[in-house]
Protein backbone atom coordinates (compact mmCIF):
# COMPACT_ATOMS: atom_id res chain seq x y z
CA UNK A 1 35.50 272.24 196.48
CA UNK A 2 34.14 275.79 196.79
CA UNK A 3 36.55 278.61 197.63
CA UNK A 4 34.58 279.34 200.82
CA UNK A 5 35.44 275.84 202.03
CA UNK A 6 39.20 276.53 201.86
CA UNK A 7 40.79 277.95 204.99
CA UNK A 8 42.67 281.24 204.76
CA UNK A 9 45.88 279.52 205.84
CA UNK A 10 45.55 276.88 203.10
CA UNK A 11 44.69 279.53 200.51
CA UNK A 12 47.72 281.66 201.43
CA UNK A 13 49.93 278.56 201.39
CA UNK A 14 48.75 277.68 197.88
CA UNK A 15 49.31 281.25 196.65
CA UNK A 16 52.82 281.18 198.12
CA UNK A 17 53.48 277.83 196.44
CA UNK A 18 52.36 279.15 193.06
CA UNK A 19 54.52 282.26 193.37
CA UNK A 20 57.47 280.03 194.28
CA UNK A 21 56.71 277.75 191.32
CA UNK A 22 56.82 280.68 188.91
CA UNK A 23 60.50 281.13 189.76
CA UNK A 24 61.48 277.48 189.31
CA UNK A 25 63.60 276.38 186.37
CA UNK A 26 62.07 273.98 183.87
CA UNK A 27 62.93 270.30 184.27
CA UNK A 28 61.92 267.42 182.01
CA UNK A 29 62.72 264.19 183.78
CA UNK A 30 62.24 260.47 183.25
CA UNK A 31 62.07 258.01 186.17
CA UNK A 32 63.23 254.54 185.10
CA UNK A 33 63.21 251.45 187.28
CA UNK A 34 61.71 247.97 187.65
CA UNK A 35 58.36 247.33 189.34
CA UNK A 36 58.54 248.04 193.07
CA UNK A 37 61.67 250.19 192.88
CA UNK A 38 60.02 253.19 194.59
CA UNK A 39 59.14 255.52 191.72
CA UNK A 40 55.59 255.86 193.00
CA UNK A 41 56.81 256.66 196.51
CA UNK A 42 59.19 259.39 195.38
CA UNK A 43 57.14 261.02 192.61
CA UNK A 44 54.52 262.92 194.68
CA UNK A 45 57.05 264.83 196.81
CA UNK A 46 59.50 265.49 193.96
CA UNK A 47 56.55 266.68 191.87
CA UNK A 48 55.52 269.15 194.56
CA UNK A 49 59.02 270.37 195.47
CA UNK A 50 59.97 271.07 191.84
CA UNK A 51 56.49 272.15 190.65
CA UNK A 52 56.41 269.41 188.03
CA UNK A 53 53.54 267.28 186.79
CA UNK A 54 53.73 263.51 187.26
CA UNK A 55 52.89 261.71 184.03
CA UNK A 56 52.28 258.03 184.79
CA UNK A 57 51.47 256.29 181.51
CA UNK A 58 48.51 254.26 182.76
CA UNK A 59 46.93 257.24 184.53
CA UNK A 60 47.40 259.46 181.47
CA UNK A 61 45.82 256.85 179.22
CA UNK A 62 42.77 256.48 181.45
CA UNK A 63 42.42 260.28 181.80
CA UNK A 64 42.64 260.82 178.02
CA UNK A 65 40.02 258.15 177.39
CA UNK A 66 37.76 259.63 180.05
CA UNK A 67 38.15 263.16 178.69
CA UNK A 68 37.59 261.91 175.13
CA UNK A 69 40.59 263.77 173.77
CA UNK A 70 41.66 263.09 170.19
CA UNK A 71 44.23 260.51 171.23
CA UNK A 72 42.01 259.25 174.04
CA UNK A 73 39.36 258.30 171.47
CA UNK A 74 41.97 256.49 169.37
CA UNK A 75 43.23 254.66 172.45
CA UNK A 76 39.70 253.57 173.39
CA UNK A 77 39.08 252.28 169.86
CA UNK A 78 42.27 250.21 170.09
CA UNK A 79 41.42 248.82 173.53
CA UNK A 80 37.80 248.08 172.60
CA UNK A 81 39.02 246.08 169.60
CA UNK A 82 41.51 244.15 171.71
CA UNK A 83 44.52 245.78 170.02
CA UNK A 84 47.54 247.28 171.76
CA UNK A 85 47.67 251.04 172.19
CA UNK A 86 50.39 252.02 169.72
CA UNK A 87 53.43 254.13 170.55
CA UNK A 88 52.20 257.02 168.40
CA UNK A 89 48.98 257.19 170.42
CA UNK A 90 50.89 257.18 173.73
CA UNK A 91 53.21 259.91 172.43
CA UNK A 92 50.16 261.92 171.38
CA UNK A 93 48.67 261.54 174.86
CA UNK A 94 51.96 262.65 176.42
CA UNK A 95 52.00 265.70 174.15
CA UNK A 96 48.44 266.57 175.17
CA UNK A 97 49.44 266.24 178.83
CA UNK A 98 52.62 268.34 178.76
CA UNK A 99 50.79 271.15 177.00
CA UNK A 100 48.58 271.55 180.10
CA UNK A 101 49.26 274.54 182.44
CA UNK A 102 50.26 272.30 185.35
CA UNK A 103 53.19 271.02 183.29
CA UNK A 104 54.54 274.52 182.57
CA UNK A 105 57.66 273.88 184.68
CA UNK A 106 58.21 270.40 183.31
CA UNK A 107 57.35 266.84 184.19
CA UNK A 108 58.30 263.50 185.65
CA UNK A 109 57.61 260.83 183.04
CA UNK A 110 56.94 257.49 184.72
CA UNK A 111 56.39 254.28 182.74
CA UNK A 112 57.52 255.65 179.38
CA UNK A 113 59.71 255.18 177.42
CA UNK A 114 59.97 251.44 177.90
CA UNK A 115 61.89 250.76 174.68
CA UNK A 116 64.49 252.42 172.46
CA UNK A 117 61.83 252.97 169.79
CA UNK A 118 59.68 254.82 172.31
CA UNK A 119 62.67 256.86 173.53
CA UNK A 120 63.43 258.00 169.99
CA UNK A 121 59.78 258.89 169.39
CA UNK A 122 59.70 260.88 172.63
CA UNK A 123 62.88 262.72 171.68
CA UNK A 124 61.43 263.61 168.27
CA UNK A 125 58.20 264.90 169.82
CA UNK A 126 60.04 267.09 172.34
CA UNK A 127 62.47 268.30 169.68
CA UNK A 128 59.54 269.52 167.59
CA UNK A 129 58.68 271.77 170.55
CA UNK A 130 62.27 272.94 171.03
CA UNK A 131 62.61 270.80 174.17
CA UNK A 132 64.52 267.74 175.36
CA UNK A 133 64.87 265.43 178.34
CA UNK A 134 67.09 267.05 180.98
CA UNK A 135 67.65 264.13 183.35
CA UNK A 136 66.91 260.42 183.67
CA UNK A 137 66.79 258.99 187.19
CA UNK A 138 67.64 255.29 187.26
CA UNK A 139 66.24 253.51 190.33
CA UNK A 140 68.88 250.77 190.67
CA UNK A 141 67.91 247.82 192.88
CA UNK A 142 68.68 244.07 192.93
CA UNK A 143 65.91 241.90 191.47
CA UNK A 144 65.88 239.69 194.58
CA UNK A 145 64.74 242.57 196.79
CA UNK A 146 61.76 243.34 194.59
CA UNK A 147 59.82 240.13 195.28
CA UNK A 148 59.09 240.96 198.92
CA UNK A 149 58.35 244.58 198.03
CA UNK A 150 55.90 243.74 195.27
CA UNK A 151 53.96 240.92 196.92
CA UNK A 152 53.15 243.09 199.95
CA UNK A 153 52.62 246.39 198.15
CA UNK A 154 49.53 248.52 198.77
CA UNK A 155 48.64 251.46 196.52
CA UNK A 156 46.61 254.64 196.99
CA UNK A 157 45.13 254.76 193.52
CA UNK A 158 44.43 258.51 193.28
CA UNK A 159 47.91 259.72 194.28
CA UNK A 160 50.15 256.76 193.49
CA UNK A 161 51.46 256.66 197.07
CA UNK A 162 52.63 253.17 197.95
CA UNK A 163 52.88 251.27 201.22
CA UNK A 164 53.77 247.76 202.38
CA UNK A 165 51.48 245.58 204.43
CA UNK A 166 54.24 244.02 206.55
CA UNK A 167 57.32 246.28 206.43
CA UNK A 168 57.50 248.51 209.55
CA UNK A 169 59.10 251.32 207.53
CA UNK A 170 56.35 251.44 204.92
CA UNK A 171 53.20 250.24 206.67
CA UNK A 172 50.27 252.71 206.65
CA UNK A 173 49.44 254.30 210.01
CA UNK A 174 46.01 252.67 209.84
CA UNK A 175 45.87 249.24 208.21
CA UNK A 176 44.52 249.44 204.68
CA UNK A 177 44.16 253.24 204.71
CA UNK A 178 46.13 256.03 203.02
CA UNK A 179 48.01 258.18 205.57
CA UNK A 180 46.97 261.47 203.94
CA UNK A 181 43.36 260.97 202.88
CA UNK A 182 42.25 257.96 204.90
CA UNK A 183 40.96 256.42 201.70
CA UNK A 184 41.22 252.64 201.12
CA UNK A 185 44.43 251.19 199.70
CA UNK A 186 44.43 248.55 196.98
CA UNK A 187 46.62 245.72 195.72
CA UNK A 188 47.35 245.57 192.01
CA UNK A 189 46.24 242.36 190.35
CA UNK A 190 49.69 241.87 188.80
CA UNK A 191 51.61 242.31 192.06
CA UNK A 192 52.52 238.62 192.26
CA UNK A 193 55.88 236.85 192.18
CA UNK A 194 55.03 235.18 188.86
CA UNK A 195 53.96 238.42 187.18
CA UNK A 196 57.02 240.21 188.58
CA UNK A 197 59.34 237.65 187.00
CA UNK A 198 57.82 238.27 183.58
CA UNK A 199 57.90 242.04 184.02
CA UNK A 200 61.56 241.95 185.09
CA UNK A 201 62.52 239.99 181.97
CA UNK A 202 60.85 242.65 179.83
CA UNK A 203 62.44 245.44 181.85
CA UNK A 204 65.99 244.12 181.46
CA UNK A 205 65.61 243.23 177.78
CA UNK A 206 63.68 246.29 176.59
CA UNK A 207 64.00 249.17 179.08
CA UNK A 208 67.57 248.95 180.41
CA UNK A 209 68.98 249.81 176.93
CA UNK A 210 67.10 253.14 177.19
CA UNK A 211 69.61 254.18 179.87
CA UNK A 212 72.49 253.93 177.39
CA UNK A 213 70.43 255.98 174.92
CA UNK A 214 70.37 258.91 177.35
CA UNK A 215 74.03 258.49 178.35
CA UNK A 216 75.40 261.31 180.51
CA UNK A 217 71.91 262.51 181.43
CA UNK A 218 71.37 259.37 183.56
CA UNK A 219 71.75 259.65 187.33
CA UNK A 220 71.85 256.36 189.24
CA UNK A 221 70.24 256.21 192.68
CA UNK A 222 70.43 253.31 195.11
CA UNK A 223 66.75 252.45 195.36
CA UNK A 224 67.40 249.73 197.96
CA UNK A 225 68.01 252.41 200.61
CA UNK A 226 65.56 254.22 202.91
CA UNK A 227 63.07 256.43 201.05
CA UNK A 228 64.50 259.62 202.60
CA UNK A 229 68.00 258.68 201.44
CA UNK A 230 66.68 257.91 197.96
CA UNK A 231 64.87 261.26 197.90
CA UNK A 232 68.12 262.99 198.77
CA UNK A 233 69.89 261.25 195.89
CA UNK A 234 67.19 262.37 193.46
CA UNK A 235 67.44 265.98 194.64
CA UNK A 236 71.20 265.84 194.23
CA UNK A 237 70.67 264.67 190.65
CA UNK A 238 68.06 267.30 189.81
CA UNK A 239 69.68 270.21 191.62
CA UNK A 240 68.20 272.70 194.05
CA UNK A 241 64.41 272.67 194.15
């Protein structure tokens, strides 16, 4: 978009936001929770309020491959050969991402670490930069509630905003369209009850132990509540924006 296409009001608002961001404290945060817990709903607003970047593992991987970064090329080689993208490649992609200007005030890491091995590798990488994770937000929610959430979930791919096709609280204003952009919403191919069951087994066996690894830095939020209430709990955990 050309600068001439931006209204004066929007331009002044963005300048004000950037000045405000310069005064924010740095925060390096992990969002942990099972599929459908609401991380994608909360991340965009928390990102904006705290001037953080939102690092969703899948999005970062695709962006690195598309940009042909060093680790993006390695990831593409692995995927093209049918191999798994190794933890060291993902850590490298995260390092590339957090070195970007938009991550100057910190980040929300979403989808990583999923295991204790990954958590240790992340800690080592941040330590080499004189940094560490400040807070871990645990989106606590009963497994039984996730089935209805997942099977009706609709996603705005570009932003990560999520909706529900039948829940009055989370339905889009226009069926099948994102409230902000009007762009089409999509359903993920793995948003099925069967896939959810398998993902929950992996989450409880591999990811839940990561919470103990971070100990006192973990803040538990009741992710079964209304999204505004959940947002309030996250802000209480992170401190004043």
